[in-house]
Amino acid sequence: DDKKGFKEGEAEKMLKKQFSQFQARYLARAQPHLLARPAPGAGAGGYGASGPPSSSTASSVAAGQVPSGVNASPLEGGDPGQWERDQRQEGRFVWNQTPQEVTVEINVEKCKASDLKVVIAARSLSVKLKGEVLVEGKLFDKVSGEDSTWHLDSGKQVVVTLEKIRPAFWDGLFQADSK
């Protein structure tokens, strides 16, 4: 009568498998920046659960460079501040990001805030100084127009802070085809 129940170790395997599936689904939805990025040309718009990065991937990253898709947890030897220090220069502006927001800094000639026209929409950003376009394009992903802000710092730098709708790291400020 030992026919009832699971074979030894079978129930544990099933439970671990189910837990891994739920954990991967949660990470993909709530913390996509902790997962490896999809390969170029992969399915549109998602960050899939691809499992932990291999040690060869982590060791091949140059010192001081932000590894793509590697967990920044200090518990795993990562530096959570490393993402914020990764500034990218694109044309007339510099930008950096956290999972929740993007900061864009644009150096300008001495001016007043009234000389600027800044339009932050869900999918686009436009910054103009006296009618001249400084930055304009279709954003990499959606932002909250209500929670995003901008200010003029010392009359010489426009600082735009964009609040992301979906917490994730962007590959670029603008979509590749919008520049």
N, C-alpha and C. Protein backbone atom coordinates (compact mmCIF):
# COMPACT_ATOMS: atom_id res chain seq x y z
N ASP A 1 0.82 -1.22 0.00
CA ASP A 1 0.00 0.00 0.00
C ASP A 1 0.85 1.26 0.00
N ASP A 2 2.10 1.18 -0.46
CA ASP A 2 2.95 2.37 -0.56
C ASP A 2 2.73 3.08 -1.89
N LYS A 3 1.61 2.84 -2.53
CA LYS A 3 1.31 3.43 -3.83
C LYS A 3 0.76 4.85 -3.70
N LYS A 4 0.40 5.29 -2.51
CA LYS A 4 -0.18 6.62 -2.33
C LYS A 4 0.92 7.68 -2.24
N GLY A 5 0.58 8.92 -2.66
CA GLY A 5 1.52 10.04 -2.55
C GLY A 5 2.54 10.06 -3.68
N PHE A 6 3.56 10.88 -3.50
CA PHE A 6 4.60 11.07 -4.51
C PHE A 6 5.79 10.18 -4.20
N LYS A 7 6.58 9.93 -5.23
CA LYS A 7 7.84 9.23 -5.02
C LYS A 7 8.74 10.14 -4.21
N GLU A 8 9.73 9.58 -3.57
CA GLU A 8 10.61 10.36 -2.71
C GLU A 8 11.32 11.46 -3.51
N GLY A 9 11.24 12.68 -3.03
CA GLY A 9 11.89 13.83 -3.67
C GLY A 9 11.09 14.47 -4.80
N GLU A 10 10.03 13.80 -5.27
CA GLU A 10 9.24 14.31 -6.39
C GLU A 10 8.45 15.56 -6.02
N ALA A 11 7.85 15.57 -4.84
CA ALA A 11 7.06 16.73 -4.40
C ALA A 11 7.94 17.97 -4.26
N GLU A 12 9.14 17.79 -3.74
CA GLU A 12 10.06 18.92 -3.58
C GLU A 12 10.45 19.50 -4.94
N LYS A 13 10.70 18.61 -5.92
CA LYS A 13 11.05 19.08 -7.26
C LYS A 13 9.92 19.90 -7.88
N MET A 14 8.70 19.40 -7.73
CA MET A 14 7.54 20.11 -8.28
C MET A 14 7.38 21.47 -7.62
N LEU A 15 7.55 21.52 -6.30
CA LEU A 15 7.40 22.77 -5.56
C LEU A 15 8.47 23.78 -5.98
N LYS A 16 9.73 23.34 -6.11
CA LYS A 16 10.81 24.22 -6.53
C LYS A 16 10.57 24.76 -7.94
N LYS A 17 10.10 23.90 -8.82
CA LYS A 17 9.82 24.32 -10.19
C LYS A 17 8.73 25.40 -10.21
N GLN A 18 7.65 25.16 -9.46
CA GLN A 18 6.55 26.12 -9.40
C GLN A 18 7.01 27.44 -8.80
N PHE A 19 7.80 27.37 -7.72
CA PHE A 19 8.32 28.57 -7.09
C PHE A 19 9.18 29.37 -8.07
N SER A 20 10.05 28.69 -8.82
CA SER A 20 10.90 29.38 -9.79
C SER A 20 10.08 30.09 -10.85
N GLN A 21 9.00 29.46 -11.30
CA GLN A 21 8.14 30.09 -12.30
C GLN A 21 7.49 31.35 -11.75
N PHE A 22 6.96 31.28 -10.53
CA PHE A 22 6.33 32.46 -9.93
C PHE A 22 7.34 33.56 -9.66
N GLN A 23 8.53 33.16 -9.21
CA GLN A 23 9.57 34.15 -8.95
C GLN A 23 9.98 34.86 -10.24
N ALA A 24 10.14 34.10 -11.33
CA ALA A 24 10.50 34.69 -12.62
C ALA A 24 9.41 35.63 -13.11
N ARG A 25 8.15 35.25 -12.95
CA ARG A 25 7.04 36.11 -13.36
C ARG A 25 7.03 37.41 -12.55
N TYR A 26 7.26 37.30 -11.24
CA TYR A 26 7.31 38.49 -10.39
C TYR A 26 8.45 39.41 -10.81
N LEU A 27 9.64 38.85 -11.01
CA LEU A 27 10.79 39.68 -11.40
C LEU A 27 10.56 40.36 -12.74
N ALA A 28 9.98 39.65 -13.69
CA ALA A 28 9.72 40.24 -15.00
C ALA A 28 8.75 41.40 -14.89
N ARG A 29 7.78 41.30 -13.97
CA ARG A 29 6.77 42.35 -13.83
C ARG A 29 7.24 43.49 -12.93
N ALA A 30 7.82 43.16 -11.78
CA ALA A 30 8.09 44.18 -10.76
C ALA A 30 9.54 44.66 -10.72
N GLN A 31 10.50 43.85 -11.16
CA GLN A 31 11.90 44.25 -11.08
C GLN A 31 12.66 43.83 -12.34
N PRO A 32 12.22 44.30 -13.49
CA PRO A 32 12.86 43.84 -14.73
C PRO A 32 14.32 44.23 -14.84
N HIS A 33 14.75 45.27 -14.12
CA HIS A 33 16.14 45.69 -14.20
C HIS A 33 17.10 44.67 -13.59
N LEU A 34 16.55 43.71 -12.83
CA LEU A 34 17.40 42.69 -12.24
C LEU A 34 17.63 41.51 -13.18
N LEU A 35 16.92 41.50 -14.27
CA LEU A 35 17.02 40.39 -15.22
C LEU A 35 17.91 40.77 -16.39
N ALA A 36 18.46 39.78 -17.05
CA ALA A 36 19.28 40.04 -18.23
C ALA A 36 18.41 40.62 -19.33
N ARG A 37 18.96 41.51 -20.12
CA ARG A 37 18.22 42.14 -21.21
C ARG A 37 18.10 41.15 -22.36
N PRO A 38 17.02 41.26 -23.14
CA PRO A 38 16.88 40.36 -24.28
C PRO A 38 17.91 40.69 -25.35
N ALA A 39 18.26 39.71 -26.13
CA ALA A 39 19.21 39.92 -27.22
C ALA A 39 18.57 40.83 -28.26
N PRO A 40 19.36 41.65 -28.96
CA PRO A 40 18.80 42.51 -30.00
C PRO A 40 18.03 41.68 -31.01
N GLY A 41 16.85 42.19 -31.37
CA GLY A 41 16.01 41.50 -32.33
C GLY A 41 15.10 40.47 -31.67
N ALA A 42 15.18 40.34 -30.34
CA ALA A 42 14.30 39.40 -29.64
C ALA A 42 12.91 39.98 -29.59
N GLY A 43 11.99 39.28 -29.00
CA GLY A 43 10.59 39.72 -28.93
C GLY A 43 10.44 41.15 -28.49
N ALA A 44 9.37 41.80 -28.92
CA ALA A 44 9.19 43.23 -28.67
C ALA A 44 8.92 43.53 -27.22
N GLY A 45 9.65 44.48 -26.68
CA GLY A 45 9.34 45.15 -25.45
C GLY A 45 9.42 44.41 -24.14
N GLY A 46 9.84 43.19 -24.05
CA GLY A 46 9.77 42.54 -22.75
C GLY A 46 11.13 42.23 -22.19
N TYR A 47 11.16 42.08 -20.90
CA TYR A 47 12.33 41.60 -20.21
C TYR A 47 11.94 40.23 -19.69
N GLY A 48 12.47 39.20 -20.26
CA GLY A 48 12.08 37.86 -19.84
C GLY A 48 12.99 37.34 -18.76
N ALA A 49 12.50 36.35 -18.04
CA ALA A 49 13.31 35.72 -17.01
C ALA A 49 14.30 34.81 -17.70
N SER A 50 15.54 35.15 -17.63
CA SER A 50 16.54 34.34 -18.31
C SER A 50 17.46 33.66 -17.32
N GLY A 51 17.14 33.75 -16.07
CA GLY A 51 17.97 33.10 -15.08
C GLY A 51 19.15 33.96 -14.70
N PRO A 52 19.93 33.50 -13.75
CA PRO A 52 21.08 34.28 -13.30
C PRO A 52 22.15 34.33 -14.37
N PRO A 53 22.88 35.45 -14.42
CA PRO A 53 23.94 35.56 -15.41
C PRO A 53 25.06 34.58 -15.10
N SER A 54 25.75 34.14 -16.13
CA SER A 54 26.85 33.21 -15.92
C SER A 54 28.05 33.97 -15.37
N SER A 55 28.92 33.24 -14.71
CA SER A 55 30.09 33.89 -14.12
C SER A 55 31.02 34.42 -15.20
N SER A 56 31.03 33.76 -16.38
CA SER A 56 31.88 34.25 -17.47
C SER A 56 31.40 35.60 -17.98
N THR A 57 30.05 35.82 -17.96
CA THR A 57 29.51 37.11 -18.37
C THR A 57 29.95 38.18 -17.40
N ALA A 58 29.85 37.88 -16.11
CA ALA A 58 30.20 38.87 -15.09
C ALA A 58 31.69 39.18 -15.12
N SER A 59 32.53 38.17 -15.36
CA SER A 59 33.96 38.42 -15.33
C SER A 59 34.45 39.12 -16.59
N SER A 60 33.68 39.05 -17.69
CA SER A 60 34.11 39.68 -18.93
C SER A 60 33.82 41.18 -18.96
N VAL A 61 33.08 41.68 -17.96
CA VAL A 61 32.74 43.10 -17.92
C VAL A 61 33.94 43.87 -17.39
N ALA A 62 34.30 44.93 -18.08
CA ALA A 62 35.44 45.74 -17.66
C ALA A 62 35.14 46.43 -16.34
N ALA A 63 36.16 46.65 -15.55
CA ALA A 63 35.97 47.31 -14.26
C ALA A 63 35.41 48.71 -14.46
N GLY A 64 34.43 49.07 -13.64
CA GLY A 64 33.84 50.40 -13.71
C GLY A 64 32.74 50.53 -14.74
N GLN A 65 32.48 49.48 -15.51
CA GLN A 65 31.45 49.53 -16.53
C GLN A 65 30.19 48.87 -15.99
N VAL A 66 29.02 49.40 -16.31
CA VAL A 66 27.77 48.81 -15.83
C VAL A 66 27.48 47.57 -16.65
N PRO A 67 27.42 46.41 -16.00
CA PRO A 67 27.15 45.19 -16.75
C PRO A 67 25.70 45.12 -17.16
N SER A 68 25.43 44.64 -18.34
CA SER A 68 24.07 44.55 -18.85
C SER A 68 23.36 43.37 -18.22
N GLY A 69 22.30 43.67 -17.45
CA GLY A 69 21.47 42.62 -16.89
C GLY A 69 22.03 41.95 -15.65
N VAL A 70 23.12 42.44 -15.09
CA VAL A 70 23.69 41.84 -13.89
C VAL A 70 23.10 42.52 -12.67
N ASN A 71 22.70 41.72 -11.70
CA ASN A 71 22.09 42.24 -10.48
C ASN A 71 23.07 43.16 -9.77
N ALA A 72 22.62 44.36 -9.44
CA ALA A 72 23.49 45.33 -8.78
C ALA A 72 23.45 45.20 -7.26
N SER A 73 22.88 44.14 -6.76
CA SER A 73 22.74 43.96 -5.32
C SER A 73 24.09 43.89 -4.63
N PRO A 74 24.27 44.67 -3.56
CA PRO A 74 25.52 44.58 -2.80
C PRO A 74 25.71 43.18 -2.21
N LEU A 75 24.61 42.46 -2.00
CA LEU A 75 24.70 41.10 -1.46
C LEU A 75 25.40 40.17 -2.44
N GLU A 76 25.37 40.51 -3.73
CA GLU A 76 26.01 39.69 -4.75
C GLU A 76 27.27 40.35 -5.28
N GLY A 77 27.80 41.29 -4.52
CA GLY A 77 29.05 41.93 -4.89
C GLY A 77 28.89 43.11 -5.83
N GLY A 78 27.66 43.50 -6.13
CA GLY A 78 27.42 44.63 -7.04
C GLY A 78 27.44 45.96 -6.32
N ASP A 79 27.51 47.02 -7.06
CA ASP A 79 27.48 48.38 -6.53
C ASP A 79 26.21 49.05 -7.03
N PRO A 80 25.19 49.24 -6.16
CA PRO A 80 23.93 49.81 -6.63
C PRO A 80 24.07 51.23 -7.14
N GLY A 81 25.08 51.95 -6.73
CA GLY A 81 25.29 53.31 -7.20
C GLY A 81 25.94 53.37 -8.57
N GLN A 82 26.41 52.22 -9.05
CA GLN A 82 27.10 52.19 -10.33
C GLN A 82 26.19 52.58 -11.48
N TRP A 83 24.91 52.21 -11.42
CA TRP A 83 23.96 52.57 -12.48
C TRP A 83 23.78 54.07 -12.55
N GLU A 84 23.68 54.73 -11.39
CA GLU A 84 23.44 56.16 -11.37
C GLU A 84 24.64 56.94 -11.88
N ARG A 85 25.85 56.40 -11.71
CA ARG A 85 27.06 57.09 -12.17
C ARG A 85 27.28 56.91 -13.67
N ASP A 86 26.55 56.03 -14.30
CA ASP A 86 26.70 55.77 -15.73
C ASP A 86 26.01 56.87 -16.52
N GLN A 87 26.76 57.94 -16.84
CA GLN A 87 26.20 59.05 -17.60
C GLN A 87 26.53 58.85 -19.07
N ARG A 88 25.56 59.19 -19.90
CA ARG A 88 25.75 59.04 -21.34
C ARG A 88 25.63 60.39 -22.02
N GLN A 89 26.60 60.71 -22.84
CA GLN A 89 26.62 61.95 -23.60
C GLN A 89 25.99 61.69 -24.96
N GLU A 90 24.98 62.46 -25.29
CA GLU A 90 24.34 62.34 -26.61
C GLU A 90 24.13 63.75 -27.15
N GLY A 91 24.94 64.13 -28.11
CA GLY A 91 24.77 65.45 -28.71
C GLY A 91 24.98 66.57 -27.69
N ARG A 92 23.92 67.37 -27.49
CA ARG A 92 24.02 68.55 -26.62
C ARG A 92 23.67 68.27 -25.17
N PHE A 93 23.40 67.03 -24.82
CA PHE A 93 22.96 66.74 -23.46
C PHE A 93 23.62 65.49 -22.88
N VAL A 94 23.53 65.39 -21.56
CA VAL A 94 24.02 64.22 -20.82
C VAL A 94 22.82 63.67 -20.07
N TRP A 95 22.70 62.35 -19.99
CA TRP A 95 21.59 61.76 -19.24
C TRP A 95 22.06 60.55 -18.45
N ASN A 96 21.36 60.28 -17.35
CA ASN A 96 21.59 59.07 -16.57
C ASN A 96 20.26 58.59 -16.04
N GLN A 97 20.24 57.43 -15.39
CA GLN A 97 18.97 56.85 -14.99
C GLN A 97 19.09 55.98 -13.76
N THR A 98 17.95 55.78 -13.12
CA THR A 98 17.73 54.77 -12.10
C THR A 98 16.58 53.93 -12.64
N PRO A 99 16.19 52.87 -11.96
CA PRO A 99 15.03 52.12 -12.47
C PRO A 99 13.75 52.97 -12.52
N GLN A 100 13.63 53.98 -11.66
CA GLN A 100 12.41 54.76 -11.58
C GLN A 100 12.42 56.07 -12.36
N GLU A 101 13.59 56.64 -12.64
CA GLU A 101 13.62 57.95 -13.29
C GLU A 101 14.82 58.12 -14.20
N VAL A 102 14.69 59.13 -15.08
CA VAL A 102 15.76 59.53 -15.99
C VAL A 102 16.02 61.01 -15.75
N THR A 103 17.30 61.39 -15.69
CA THR A 103 17.67 62.79 -15.54
C THR A 103 18.43 63.22 -16.79
N VAL A 104 17.98 64.31 -17.40
CA VAL A 104 18.61 64.85 -18.61
C VAL A 104 19.15 66.23 -18.27
N GLU A 105 20.43 66.47 -18.55
CA GLU A 105 21.06 67.77 -18.29
C GLU A 105 21.51 68.37 -19.61
N ILE A 106 21.02 69.59 -19.88
CA ILE A 106 21.34 70.27 -21.14
C ILE A 106 22.01 71.60 -20.82
N ASN A 107 23.25 71.76 -21.24
CA ASN A 107 23.95 73.02 -21.04
C ASN A 107 23.45 74.04 -22.06
N VAL A 108 23.15 75.25 -21.57
CA VAL A 108 22.65 76.31 -22.43
C VAL A 108 23.40 77.61 -22.13
N GLU A 109 23.28 78.57 -23.04
CA GLU A 109 23.83 79.90 -22.76
C GLU A 109 22.98 80.53 -21.66
N LYS A 110 23.51 81.49 -20.97
CA LYS A 110 22.80 82.14 -19.86
C LYS A 110 21.43 82.62 -20.35
N CYS A 111 20.37 82.20 -19.65
CA CYS A 111 19.01 82.57 -20.06
C CYS A 111 18.07 82.55 -18.86
N LYS A 112 16.81 82.88 -19.11
CA LYS A 112 15.77 82.83 -18.09
C LYS A 112 14.84 81.66 -18.40
N ALA A 113 14.13 81.19 -17.37
CA ALA A 113 13.20 80.08 -17.56
C ALA A 113 12.13 80.44 -18.58
N SER A 114 11.76 81.72 -18.67
CA SER A 114 10.73 82.14 -19.62
C SER A 114 11.20 82.01 -21.08
N ASP A 115 12.52 81.92 -21.30
CA ASP A 115 13.05 81.72 -22.65
C ASP A 115 12.93 80.27 -23.13
N LEU A 116 12.63 79.38 -22.18
CA LEU A 116 12.57 77.94 -22.48
C LEU A 116 11.15 77.46 -22.68
N LYS A 117 11.00 76.48 -23.56
CA LYS A 117 9.72 75.79 -23.70
C LYS A 117 10.04 74.30 -23.58
N VAL A 118 9.57 73.70 -22.47
CA VAL A 118 9.81 72.29 -22.20
C VAL A 118 8.47 71.57 -22.23
N VAL A 119 8.36 70.57 -23.10
CA VAL A 119 7.12 69.78 -23.21
C VAL A 119 7.48 68.33 -22.89
N ILE A 120 6.85 67.83 -21.81
CA ILE A 120 7.05 66.43 -21.41
C ILE A 120 5.73 65.71 -21.61
N ALA A 121 5.70 64.80 -22.57
CA ALA A 121 4.50 63.99 -22.83
C ALA A 121 4.82 62.55 -22.46
N ALA A 122 3.80 61.70 -22.49
CA ALA A 122 3.97 60.30 -22.08
C ALA A 122 5.07 59.60 -22.87
N ARG A 123 5.19 59.92 -24.14
CA ARG A 123 6.15 59.22 -25.01
C ARG A 123 7.17 60.13 -25.67
N SER A 124 7.15 61.44 -25.35
CA SER A 124 8.09 62.33 -26.04
C SER A 124 8.59 63.44 -25.12
N LEU A 125 9.72 64.01 -25.52
CA LEU A 125 10.34 65.12 -24.79
C LEU A 125 10.78 66.16 -25.82
N SER A 126 10.50 67.43 -25.51
CA SER A 126 10.93 68.53 -26.37
C SER A 126 11.42 69.68 -25.49
N VAL A 127 12.63 70.15 -25.76
CA VAL A 127 13.19 71.31 -25.04
C VAL A 127 13.66 72.31 -26.09
N LYS A 128 13.10 73.53 -26.01
CA LYS A 128 13.46 74.58 -26.97
C LYS A 128 13.89 75.83 -26.21
N LEU A 129 14.88 76.52 -26.76
CA LEU A 129 15.36 77.78 -26.20
C LEU A 129 15.16 78.86 -27.25
N LYS A 130 14.28 79.79 -26.97
CA LYS A 130 13.95 80.88 -27.90
C LYS A 130 13.62 80.33 -29.30
N GLY A 131 12.86 79.24 -29.34
CA GLY A 131 12.44 78.65 -30.60
C GLY A 131 13.40 77.65 -31.20
N GLU A 132 14.66 77.62 -30.73
CA GLU A 132 15.65 76.68 -31.25
C GLU A 132 15.53 75.35 -30.51
N VAL A 133 15.42 74.27 -31.25
CA VAL A 133 15.29 72.93 -30.65
C VAL A 133 16.63 72.50 -30.06
N LEU A 134 16.62 72.21 -28.75
CA LEU A 134 17.82 71.70 -28.09
C LEU A 134 17.77 70.17 -28.03
N VAL A 135 16.62 69.65 -27.61
CA VAL A 135 16.41 68.21 -27.50
C VAL A 135 14.98 67.91 -27.91
N GLU A 136 14.81 66.89 -28.74
CA GLU A 136 13.47 66.52 -29.15
C GLU A 136 13.49 65.08 -29.65
N GLY A 137 12.49 64.30 -29.25
CA GLY A 137 12.41 62.94 -29.74
C GLY A 137 11.38 62.10 -29.03
N LYS A 138 11.20 60.89 -29.55
CA LYS A 138 10.27 59.93 -28.98
C LYS A 138 11.04 59.10 -27.95
N LEU A 139 10.57 59.12 -26.70
CA LEU A 139 11.27 58.47 -25.60
C LEU A 139 11.31 56.95 -25.74
N PHE A 140 12.29 56.34 -25.12
CA PHE A 140 12.48 54.89 -25.17
C PHE A 140 11.26 54.14 -24.62
N ASP A 141 10.64 54.69 -23.57
CA ASP A 141 9.45 54.09 -22.96
C ASP A 141 8.61 55.21 -22.36
N LYS A 142 7.43 54.86 -21.86
CA LYS A 142 6.51 55.86 -21.32
C LYS A 142 7.00 56.47 -20.02
N VAL A 143 6.68 57.76 -19.83
CA VAL A 143 6.95 58.46 -18.58
C VAL A 143 5.66 59.10 -18.08
N SER A 144 5.65 59.47 -16.82
CA SER A 144 4.51 60.16 -16.24
C SER A 144 4.71 61.65 -16.41
N GLY A 145 3.89 62.28 -17.23
CA GLY A 145 3.99 63.72 -17.45
C GLY A 145 3.70 64.51 -16.19
N GLU A 146 2.80 64.01 -15.35
CA GLU A 146 2.43 64.71 -14.11
C GLU A 146 3.56 64.71 -13.09
N ASP A 147 4.29 63.59 -13.00
CA ASP A 147 5.33 63.46 -11.99
C ASP A 147 6.70 63.92 -12.48
N SER A 148 6.84 64.18 -13.76
CA SER A 148 8.11 64.62 -14.32
C SER A 148 8.23 66.15 -14.17
N THR A 149 9.46 66.62 -13.96
CA THR A 149 9.68 68.06 -13.72
C THR A 149 10.90 68.54 -14.50
N TRP A 150 11.07 69.86 -14.52
CA TRP A 150 12.28 70.44 -15.08
C TRP A 150 12.57 71.74 -14.33
N HIS A 151 13.83 72.15 -14.34
CA HIS A 151 14.21 73.44 -13.76
C HIS A 151 15.47 73.95 -14.46
N LEU A 152 15.69 75.24 -14.32
CA LEU A 152 16.87 75.90 -14.87
C LEU A 152 17.86 76.11 -13.74
N ASP A 153 19.00 75.49 -13.84
CA ASP A 153 20.01 75.55 -12.78
C ASP A 153 21.02 76.65 -13.08
N SER A 154 21.07 77.68 -12.25
CA SER A 154 22.00 78.81 -12.38
C SER A 154 21.90 79.52 -13.72
N GLY A 155 20.79 79.37 -14.41
CA GLY A 155 20.59 80.02 -15.70
C GLY A 155 21.42 79.43 -16.82
N LYS A 156 22.17 78.35 -16.54
CA LYS A 156 23.09 77.80 -17.54
C LYS A 156 22.86 76.34 -17.87
N GLN A 157 21.97 75.67 -17.13
CA GLN A 157 21.73 74.26 -17.39
C GLN A 157 20.27 73.91 -17.14
N VAL A 158 19.64 73.27 -18.12
CA VAL A 158 18.26 72.79 -17.98
C VAL A 158 18.36 71.35 -17.48
N VAL A 159 17.67 71.08 -16.37
CA VAL A 159 17.66 69.74 -15.79
C VAL A 159 16.23 69.21 -15.86
N VAL A 160 16.04 68.13 -16.62
CA VAL A 160 14.72 67.51 -16.79
C VAL A 160 14.75 66.17 -16.06
N THR A 161 13.77 65.95 -15.18
CA THR A 161 13.66 64.68 -14.47
C THR A 161 12.38 63.99 -14.93
N LEU A 162 12.53 62.83 -15.55
CA LEU A 162 11.40 62.08 -16.09
C LEU A 162 11.12 60.87 -15.19
N GLU A 163 9.88 60.76 -14.72
CA GLU A 163 9.48 59.61 -13.89
C GLU A 163 8.97 58.51 -14.80
N LYS A 164 9.62 57.35 -14.76
CA LYS A 164 9.24 56.23 -15.61
C LYS A 164 7.92 55.61 -15.13
N ILE A 165 7.11 55.17 -16.07
CA ILE A 165 5.88 54.44 -15.75
C ILE A 165 6.23 53.03 -15.28
N ARG A 166 7.15 52.40 -16.01
CA ARG A 166 7.55 51.03 -15.72
C ARG A 166 9.01 51.04 -15.27
N PRO A 167 9.29 50.58 -14.04
CA PRO A 167 10.68 50.60 -13.58
C PRO A 167 11.55 49.62 -14.35
N ALA A 168 12.47 50.16 -15.11
CA ALA A 168 13.39 49.34 -15.91
C ALA A 168 14.52 50.24 -16.40
N PHE A 169 15.63 49.64 -16.78
CA PHE A 169 16.70 50.42 -17.36
C PHE A 169 16.50 50.51 -18.87
N TRP A 170 16.68 51.72 -19.39
CA TRP A 170 16.50 51.97 -20.82
C TRP A 170 17.83 51.80 -21.52
N ASP A 171 17.77 51.35 -22.78
CA ASP A 171 18.98 51.23 -23.59
C ASP A 171 19.41 52.59 -24.14
N GLY A 172 18.49 53.53 -24.22
CA GLY A 172 18.79 54.86 -24.70
C GLY A 172 17.69 55.80 -24.25
N LEU A 173 17.93 57.09 -24.33
CA LEU A 173 16.91 58.06 -23.93
C LEU A 173 15.77 58.06 -24.95
N PHE A 174 16.13 58.05 -26.22
CA PHE A 174 15.14 58.07 -27.28
C PHE A 174 15.14 56.74 -28.04
N GLN A 175 14.02 56.44 -28.70
CA GLN A 175 13.98 55.28 -29.55
C GLN A 175 14.94 55.49 -30.69
N ALA A 176 15.56 54.45 -31.15
CA ALA A 176 16.61 54.55 -32.17
C ALA A 176 16.16 55.25 -33.45
N ASP A 177 14.89 55.06 -33.84
CA ASP A 177 14.42 55.64 -35.11
C ASP A 177 13.90 57.07 -34.98
N SER A 178 13.91 57.65 -33.78
CA SER A 178 13.30 58.98 -33.62
C SER A 178 14.30 60.11 -33.72
N LYS A 179 15.62 59.81 -33.75
CA LYS A 179 16.60 60.90 -33.80
C LYS A 179 16.94 61.30 -35.20
